[in-house]
């Protein structure tokens, strides 16, 4: 059976690192460094309104010679976020990440934010599934 986003979140935990759209980009980058993540969800009044990534920072602050202390998150965040539900398969998520050229997929159930999965989470799920398949085949072939 194909692994789903729900099973990844159960293994990973439900920690959600987020920032308000009115925070400074400096505050967002500091939080990314502290939490060792490459992106933060942007949440306002409990609703997902965007995502800010290291890529946004590099392209929209550093390369444009803006000040991270004077620039607000909502000025550089990506507002049209590609999201998934807990029922999405790992394979479907990989297709979405490849097609839309993103690295993070927020997980929503209706309007409720449940978590976020990254390309790394998906790759780990695929590797684990392949290792299990190889183990089963090895057992079958060796007759154990």
N, C-alpha and C. Protein backbone atom coordinates (compact mmCIF):
# COMPACT_ATOMS: atom_id res chain seq x y z
N UNK A 1 0.84 -1.18 0.00
CA UNK A 1 0.00 0.00 0.00
C UNK A 1 0.89 1.25 0.00
N UNK A 2 0.54 2.21 -0.79
CA UNK A 2 1.34 3.43 -0.92
C UNK A 2 1.22 4.27 0.35
N UNK A 3 2.36 4.82 0.75
CA UNK A 3 2.38 5.67 1.94
C UNK A 3 1.70 7.00 1.64
N UNK A 4 1.08 7.56 2.67
CA UNK A 4 0.36 8.82 2.51
C UNK A 4 1.01 9.92 3.34
N UNK A 5 0.58 11.14 3.09
CA UNK A 5 1.04 12.30 3.86
C UNK A 5 0.72 12.10 5.34
N UNK A 6 -0.44 11.54 5.63
CA UNK A 6 -0.84 11.30 7.03
C UNK A 6 0.17 10.44 7.76
N UNK A 7 0.65 9.37 7.11
CA UNK A 7 1.62 8.49 7.78
C UNK A 7 2.97 9.19 7.97
N UNK A 8 3.33 10.05 7.05
CA UNK A 8 4.58 10.82 7.21
C UNK A 8 4.45 11.76 8.40
N UNK A 9 3.32 12.47 8.51
CA UNK A 9 3.12 13.40 9.63
C UNK A 9 3.11 12.67 10.97
N UNK A 10 2.55 11.45 11.01
CA UNK A 10 2.52 10.68 12.25
C UNK A 10 3.93 10.33 12.71
N UNK A 11 4.82 10.01 11.77
CA UNK A 11 6.21 9.69 12.10
C UNK A 11 6.99 10.95 12.45
N UNK A 12 6.76 11.99 11.70
CA UNK A 12 7.52 13.24 11.81
C UNK A 12 7.11 14.07 13.03
N UNK A 13 5.84 14.00 13.38
CA UNK A 13 5.32 14.86 14.44
C UNK A 13 4.57 16.03 13.84
N UNK A 14 3.90 16.79 14.68
CA UNK A 14 3.03 17.84 14.17
C UNK A 14 3.54 19.25 14.44
N UNK A 15 4.83 19.39 14.66
CA UNK A 15 5.40 20.72 14.88
C UNK A 15 5.24 21.56 13.62
N UNK A 16 4.72 22.76 13.80
CA UNK A 16 4.55 23.68 12.68
C UNK A 16 5.29 24.96 13.02
N UNK A 17 6.28 25.29 12.24
CA UNK A 17 7.02 26.54 12.45
C UNK A 17 6.42 27.59 11.54
N UNK A 18 5.94 28.65 12.14
CA UNK A 18 5.28 29.68 11.35
C UNK A 18 5.67 31.07 11.82
N UNK A 19 5.33 32.03 11.00
CA UNK A 19 5.64 33.43 11.26
C UNK A 19 4.44 34.25 10.79
N UNK A 20 4.26 35.41 11.39
CA UNK A 20 3.18 36.31 10.96
C UNK A 20 3.64 37.10 9.74
N UNK A 21 2.70 37.52 8.90
CA UNK A 21 3.08 38.29 7.72
C UNK A 21 3.70 39.64 8.06
N UNK A 22 3.47 40.13 9.28
CA UNK A 22 4.01 41.43 9.70
C UNK A 22 5.37 41.33 10.37
N UNK A 23 5.89 40.11 10.51
CA UNK A 23 7.24 39.93 11.07
C UNK A 23 8.26 40.43 10.06
N UNK A 24 9.44 40.79 10.55
CA UNK A 24 10.50 41.18 9.62
C UNK A 24 11.12 39.92 9.01
N UNK A 25 11.70 40.10 7.85
CA UNK A 25 12.38 38.99 7.19
C UNK A 25 13.54 38.52 8.07
N UNK A 26 14.19 39.43 8.77
CA UNK A 26 15.27 39.06 9.68
C UNK A 26 14.77 38.07 10.73
N UNK A 27 13.61 38.37 11.32
CA UNK A 27 13.03 37.47 12.33
C UNK A 27 12.72 36.10 11.74
N UNK A 28 12.23 36.08 10.51
CA UNK A 28 11.91 34.82 9.85
C UNK A 28 13.18 34.00 9.58
N UNK A 29 14.21 34.65 9.08
CA UNK A 29 15.47 33.95 8.79
C UNK A 29 16.11 33.45 10.09
N UNK A 30 16.03 34.24 11.14
CA UNK A 30 16.57 33.81 12.44
C UNK A 30 15.83 32.56 12.94
N UNK A 31 14.51 32.52 12.76
CA UNK A 31 13.74 31.35 13.19
C UNK A 31 14.09 30.13 12.34
N UNK A 32 14.26 30.32 11.03
CA UNK A 32 14.66 29.21 10.16
C UNK A 32 15.99 28.63 10.64
N UNK A 33 16.92 29.50 10.97
CA UNK A 33 18.23 29.03 11.44
C UNK A 33 18.09 28.29 12.77
N UNK A 34 17.32 28.85 13.68
CA UNK A 34 17.12 28.23 15.00
C UNK A 34 16.47 26.85 14.89
N UNK A 35 15.51 26.71 14.00
CA UNK A 35 14.76 25.46 13.86
C UNK A 35 15.37 24.52 12.82
N UNK A 36 16.41 24.97 12.14
CA UNK A 36 17.08 24.18 11.08
C UNK A 36 16.10 23.76 9.99
N UNK A 37 15.33 24.75 9.49
CA UNK A 37 14.39 24.50 8.41
C UNK A 37 14.65 25.49 7.28
N UNK A 38 14.20 25.16 6.08
CA UNK A 38 14.43 26.01 4.93
C UNK A 38 13.25 26.89 4.57
N UNK A 39 12.14 26.75 5.31
CA UNK A 39 10.96 27.56 5.02
C UNK A 39 10.07 27.62 6.25
N UNK A 40 9.28 28.67 6.32
CA UNK A 40 8.29 28.84 7.38
C UNK A 40 6.94 29.11 6.74
N UNK A 41 5.90 28.58 7.35
CA UNK A 41 4.56 28.91 6.91
C UNK A 41 4.22 30.29 7.43
N UNK A 42 3.50 31.05 6.64
CA UNK A 42 3.06 32.38 7.05
C UNK A 42 1.59 32.26 7.42
N UNK A 43 1.30 32.55 8.70
CA UNK A 43 -0.04 32.34 9.23
C UNK A 43 -0.56 33.65 9.83
N UNK A 44 -1.82 33.96 9.48
CA UNK A 44 -2.48 35.15 10.01
C UNK A 44 -3.86 34.75 10.51
N UNK A 45 -4.15 35.06 11.76
CA UNK A 45 -5.44 34.70 12.38
C UNK A 45 -5.74 33.21 12.22
N UNK A 46 -4.72 32.38 12.39
CA UNK A 46 -4.89 30.94 12.31
C UNK A 46 -5.02 30.37 10.91
N UNK A 47 -4.92 31.21 9.89
CA UNK A 47 -5.07 30.75 8.50
C UNK A 47 -3.74 30.85 7.75
N UNK A 48 -3.47 29.86 6.92
CA UNK A 48 -2.29 29.88 6.06
C UNK A 48 -2.47 30.94 4.98
N UNK A 49 -1.54 31.89 4.94
CA UNK A 49 -1.62 32.95 3.92
C UNK A 49 -0.42 32.96 2.98
N UNK A 50 0.59 32.14 3.29
CA UNK A 50 1.76 32.09 2.43
C UNK A 50 2.86 31.23 3.01
N UNK A 51 4.00 31.29 2.33
CA UNK A 51 5.19 30.57 2.78
C UNK A 51 6.39 31.44 2.44
N UNK A 52 7.37 31.44 3.33
CA UNK A 52 8.62 32.18 3.08
C UNK A 52 9.76 31.18 3.18
N UNK A 53 10.64 31.22 2.19
CA UNK A 53 11.75 30.27 2.14
C UNK A 53 13.08 30.99 2.04
N UNK A 54 14.13 30.23 2.22
CA UNK A 54 15.47 30.78 2.03
C UNK A 54 15.63 31.28 0.60
N UNK A 55 14.98 30.61 -0.33
CA UNK A 55 15.02 31.03 -1.73
C UNK A 55 14.39 32.41 -1.90
N UNK A 56 13.25 32.65 -1.24
CA UNK A 56 12.61 33.98 -1.29
C UNK A 56 13.57 35.03 -0.75
N UNK A 57 14.23 34.70 0.35
CA UNK A 57 15.17 35.64 0.96
C UNK A 57 16.32 35.97 0.01
N UNK A 58 16.91 34.94 -0.57
CA UNK A 58 18.05 35.15 -1.47
C UNK A 58 17.67 35.98 -2.69
N UNK A 59 16.53 35.67 -3.27
CA UNK A 59 16.15 36.33 -4.52
C UNK A 59 15.49 37.70 -4.32
N UNK A 60 14.74 37.84 -3.24
CA UNK A 60 13.94 39.06 -3.08
C UNK A 60 14.49 40.05 -2.06
N UNK A 61 15.50 39.62 -1.32
CA UNK A 61 16.13 40.55 -0.36
C UNK A 61 17.60 40.73 -0.73
N UNK A 62 18.37 39.67 -0.67
CA UNK A 62 19.82 39.76 -0.90
C UNK A 62 20.13 40.30 -2.29
N UNK A 63 19.57 39.68 -3.32
CA UNK A 63 19.89 40.10 -4.69
C UNK A 63 19.35 41.48 -5.04
N UNK A 64 18.32 41.92 -4.32
CA UNK A 64 17.78 43.26 -4.57
C UNK A 64 18.33 44.29 -3.58
N UNK A 65 19.32 43.85 -2.80
CA UNK A 65 20.01 44.73 -1.84
C UNK A 65 19.03 45.42 -0.87
N UNK A 66 18.02 44.66 -0.44
CA UNK A 66 17.08 45.17 0.55
C UNK A 66 17.59 44.80 1.93
N UNK A 67 17.07 45.45 2.93
CA UNK A 67 17.43 45.17 4.31
C UNK A 67 16.45 44.16 4.90
N UNK A 68 16.98 43.08 5.45
CA UNK A 68 16.10 42.07 6.05
C UNK A 68 15.43 42.61 7.31
N UNK A 69 16.01 43.60 7.95
CA UNK A 69 15.41 44.20 9.15
C UNK A 69 14.30 45.17 8.81
N UNK A 70 14.33 45.72 7.58
CA UNK A 70 13.32 46.70 7.17
C UNK A 70 12.26 46.11 6.23
N UNK A 71 12.43 44.88 5.83
CA UNK A 71 11.49 44.24 4.91
C UNK A 71 10.59 43.30 5.69
N UNK A 72 9.29 43.36 5.44
CA UNK A 72 8.33 42.50 6.13
C UNK A 72 8.08 41.22 5.33
N UNK A 73 7.76 40.17 6.05
CA UNK A 73 7.53 38.86 5.43
C UNK A 73 6.51 38.94 4.30
N UNK A 74 5.40 39.65 4.51
CA UNK A 74 4.35 39.68 3.48
C UNK A 74 4.83 40.34 2.18
N UNK A 75 5.92 41.09 2.24
CA UNK A 75 6.44 41.74 1.04
C UNK A 75 7.17 40.77 0.11
N UNK A 76 7.68 39.67 0.67
CA UNK A 76 8.48 38.75 -0.17
C UNK A 76 7.95 37.31 -0.16
N UNK A 77 6.96 37.01 0.67
CA UNK A 77 6.46 35.63 0.77
C UNK A 77 5.80 35.19 -0.54
N UNK A 78 5.69 33.89 -0.70
CA UNK A 78 4.93 33.32 -1.79
C UNK A 78 3.51 33.17 -1.28
N UNK A 79 2.57 33.85 -1.91
CA UNK A 79 1.19 33.85 -1.43
C UNK A 79 0.34 32.72 -1.96
N UNK A 80 0.62 32.27 -3.17
CA UNK A 80 -0.16 31.18 -3.75
C UNK A 80 0.55 29.86 -3.43
N UNK A 81 0.15 29.27 -2.32
CA UNK A 81 0.83 28.08 -1.80
C UNK A 81 0.17 26.81 -2.33
N UNK A 82 0.99 25.88 -2.79
CA UNK A 82 0.51 24.56 -3.21
C UNK A 82 0.37 23.74 -1.93
N UNK A 83 -0.83 23.21 -1.67
CA UNK A 83 -1.07 22.44 -0.45
C UNK A 83 -1.51 21.02 -0.79
N UNK A 84 -1.44 20.16 0.22
CA UNK A 84 -1.91 18.78 0.09
C UNK A 84 -2.79 18.45 1.28
N UNK A 85 -3.47 17.31 1.19
CA UNK A 85 -4.29 16.81 2.29
C UNK A 85 -3.60 15.58 2.88
N UNK A 86 -4.04 15.13 4.04
CA UNK A 86 -3.43 13.92 4.63
C UNK A 86 -3.56 12.68 3.75
N UNK A 87 -4.54 12.67 2.85
CA UNK A 87 -4.78 11.50 2.01
C UNK A 87 -3.91 11.44 0.77
N UNK A 88 -3.20 12.50 0.44
CA UNK A 88 -2.33 12.47 -0.74
C UNK A 88 -1.26 11.39 -0.59
N UNK A 89 -0.95 10.73 -1.68
CA UNK A 89 0.12 9.72 -1.66
C UNK A 89 1.48 10.39 -1.80
N UNK A 90 2.51 9.70 -1.38
CA UNK A 90 3.88 10.19 -1.53
C UNK A 90 4.18 10.41 -3.01
N UNK A 91 3.76 9.48 -3.83
CA UNK A 91 4.00 9.59 -5.28
C UNK A 91 3.34 10.85 -5.84
N UNK A 92 2.11 11.11 -5.45
CA UNK A 92 1.40 12.30 -5.92
C UNK A 92 2.12 13.57 -5.46
N UNK A 93 2.59 13.58 -4.21
CA UNK A 93 3.31 14.75 -3.68
C UNK A 93 4.61 14.99 -4.44
N UNK A 94 5.33 13.91 -4.78
CA UNK A 94 6.57 14.06 -5.54
C UNK A 94 6.28 14.67 -6.91
N UNK A 95 5.19 14.25 -7.53
CA UNK A 95 4.80 14.83 -8.82
C UNK A 95 4.52 16.33 -8.67
N UNK A 96 3.81 16.70 -7.59
CA UNK A 96 3.47 18.10 -7.36
C UNK A 96 4.72 18.95 -7.12
N UNK A 97 5.63 18.42 -6.31
CA UNK A 97 6.86 19.15 -6.00
C UNK A 97 7.69 19.36 -7.27
N UNK A 98 7.76 18.33 -8.10
CA UNK A 98 8.51 18.42 -9.34
C UNK A 98 7.85 19.39 -10.32
N UNK A 99 6.55 19.24 -10.49
CA UNK A 99 5.80 20.07 -11.44
C UNK A 99 5.80 21.55 -11.07
N UNK A 100 5.64 21.84 -9.77
CA UNK A 100 5.54 23.23 -9.33
C UNK A 100 6.87 23.82 -8.85
N UNK A 101 7.91 22.97 -8.84
CA UNK A 101 9.25 23.42 -8.44
C UNK A 101 9.26 24.05 -7.05
N UNK A 102 8.66 23.34 -6.09
CA UNK A 102 8.65 23.77 -4.70
C UNK A 102 9.32 22.69 -3.86
N UNK A 103 9.65 23.04 -2.64
CA UNK A 103 10.33 22.09 -1.75
C UNK A 103 9.52 21.75 -0.51
N UNK A 104 8.43 22.48 -0.29
CA UNK A 104 7.61 22.29 0.90
C UNK A 104 6.14 22.29 0.54
N UNK A 105 5.38 21.39 1.16
CA UNK A 105 3.95 21.30 0.93
C UNK A 105 3.21 21.37 2.27
N UNK A 106 2.53 22.47 2.54
CA UNK A 106 1.69 22.52 3.74
C UNK A 106 0.56 21.50 3.62
N UNK A 107 0.19 20.94 4.76
CA UNK A 107 -0.86 19.92 4.80
C UNK A 107 -2.09 20.53 5.47
N UNK A 108 -3.20 20.52 4.74
CA UNK A 108 -4.45 21.08 5.25
C UNK A 108 -5.55 20.03 5.25
N UNK A 109 -6.42 20.11 6.27
CA UNK A 109 -7.67 19.36 6.29
C UNK A 109 -8.74 20.43 6.34
N UNK A 110 -9.32 20.73 5.20
CA UNK A 110 -10.21 21.89 5.10
C UNK A 110 -9.36 23.14 5.24
N UNK A 111 -9.70 23.98 6.22
CA UNK A 111 -8.90 25.18 6.50
C UNK A 111 -7.88 24.95 7.62
N UNK A 112 -7.93 23.76 8.25
CA UNK A 112 -7.07 23.49 9.40
C UNK A 112 -5.68 23.06 8.94
N UNK A 113 -4.68 23.78 9.42
CA UNK A 113 -3.29 23.49 9.11
C UNK A 113 -2.80 22.36 10.01
N UNK A 114 -2.37 21.25 9.38
CA UNK A 114 -1.94 20.08 10.14
C UNK A 114 -0.43 19.93 10.24
N UNK A 115 0.30 20.52 9.29
CA UNK A 115 1.74 20.37 9.28
C UNK A 115 2.29 20.75 7.92
N UNK A 116 3.53 20.39 7.71
CA UNK A 116 4.19 20.64 6.43
C UNK A 116 5.13 19.48 6.16
N UNK A 117 5.19 19.06 4.90
CA UNK A 117 6.15 18.04 4.52
C UNK A 117 7.11 18.65 3.51
N UNK A 118 8.33 18.16 3.54
CA UNK A 118 9.37 18.67 2.65
C UNK A 118 9.75 17.60 1.65
N UNK A 119 10.51 17.99 0.66
CA UNK A 119 11.00 17.04 -0.32
C UNK A 119 11.85 15.97 0.39
N UNK A 120 12.57 16.37 1.45
CA UNK A 120 13.36 15.40 2.21
C UNK A 120 12.49 14.35 2.88
N UNK A 121 11.35 14.76 3.42
CA UNK A 121 10.42 13.80 4.03
C UNK A 121 9.93 12.79 3.00
N UNK A 122 9.65 13.29 1.80
CA UNK A 122 9.16 12.40 0.74
C UNK A 122 10.24 11.44 0.27
N UNK A 123 11.45 11.94 0.10
CA UNK A 123 12.57 11.07 -0.31
C UNK A 123 12.82 10.00 0.74
N UNK A 124 12.80 10.38 2.02
CA UNK A 124 12.98 9.39 3.09
C UNK A 124 11.89 8.32 3.06
N UNK A 125 10.65 8.72 2.80
CA UNK A 125 9.55 7.76 2.73
C UNK A 125 9.77 6.78 1.57
N UNK A 126 10.22 7.30 0.44
CA UNK A 126 10.45 6.45 -0.73
C UNK A 126 11.60 5.47 -0.45
N UNK A 127 12.68 5.97 0.13
CA UNK A 127 13.83 5.11 0.44
C UNK A 127 13.43 4.01 1.41
N UNK A 128 12.67 4.35 2.44
CA UNK A 128 12.21 3.36 3.42
C UNK A 128 11.34 2.30 2.76
N UNK A 129 10.42 2.73 1.91
CA UNK A 129 9.54 1.79 1.22
C UNK A 129 10.34 0.87 0.30
N UNK A 130 11.32 1.41 -0.41
CA UNK A 130 12.14 0.60 -1.31
C UNK A 130 12.99 -0.40 -0.52
N UNK A 131 13.51 0.03 0.62
CA UNK A 131 14.32 -0.88 1.45
C UNK A 131 13.47 -2.04 1.96
N UNK A 132 12.23 -1.76 2.34
CA UNK A 132 11.33 -2.82 2.78
C UNK A 132 11.03 -3.79 1.65
N UNK A 133 10.79 -3.27 0.46
CA UNK A 133 10.52 -4.12 -0.70
C UNK A 133 11.72 -5.00 -1.01
N UNK A 134 12.90 -4.42 -0.98
CA UNK A 134 14.13 -5.20 -1.23
C UNK A 134 14.28 -6.29 -0.18
N UNK A 135 14.01 -5.96 1.07
CA UNK A 135 14.08 -6.96 2.14
C UNK A 135 13.12 -8.11 1.91
N UNK A 136 11.89 -7.80 1.52
CA UNK A 136 10.90 -8.84 1.24
C UNK A 136 11.32 -9.71 0.06
N UNK A 137 11.84 -9.07 -0.98
CA UNK A 137 12.29 -9.84 -2.15
C UNK A 137 13.49 -10.72 -1.80
N UNK A 138 14.39 -10.20 -0.98
CA UNK A 138 15.56 -10.97 -0.58
C UNK A 138 15.10 -12.21 0.20
N UNK A 139 14.18 -12.02 1.12
CA UNK A 139 13.64 -13.13 1.90
C UNK A 139 12.96 -14.15 1.00
N UNK A 140 12.18 -13.67 0.05
CA UNK A 140 11.47 -14.56 -0.88
C UNK A 140 12.45 -15.38 -1.72
N UNK A 141 13.46 -14.69 -2.27
CA UNK A 141 14.43 -15.35 -3.15
C UNK A 141 15.26 -16.37 -2.38
N UNK A 142 15.66 -16.03 -1.17
CA UNK A 142 16.51 -16.94 -0.39
C UNK A 142 15.70 -18.05 0.27
N UNK A 143 14.37 -17.93 0.22
CA UNK A 143 13.52 -19.00 0.76
C UNK A 143 13.39 -19.01 2.26
N UNK A 144 13.71 -17.91 2.92
CA UNK A 144 13.60 -17.88 4.39
C UNK A 144 12.22 -17.52 4.84
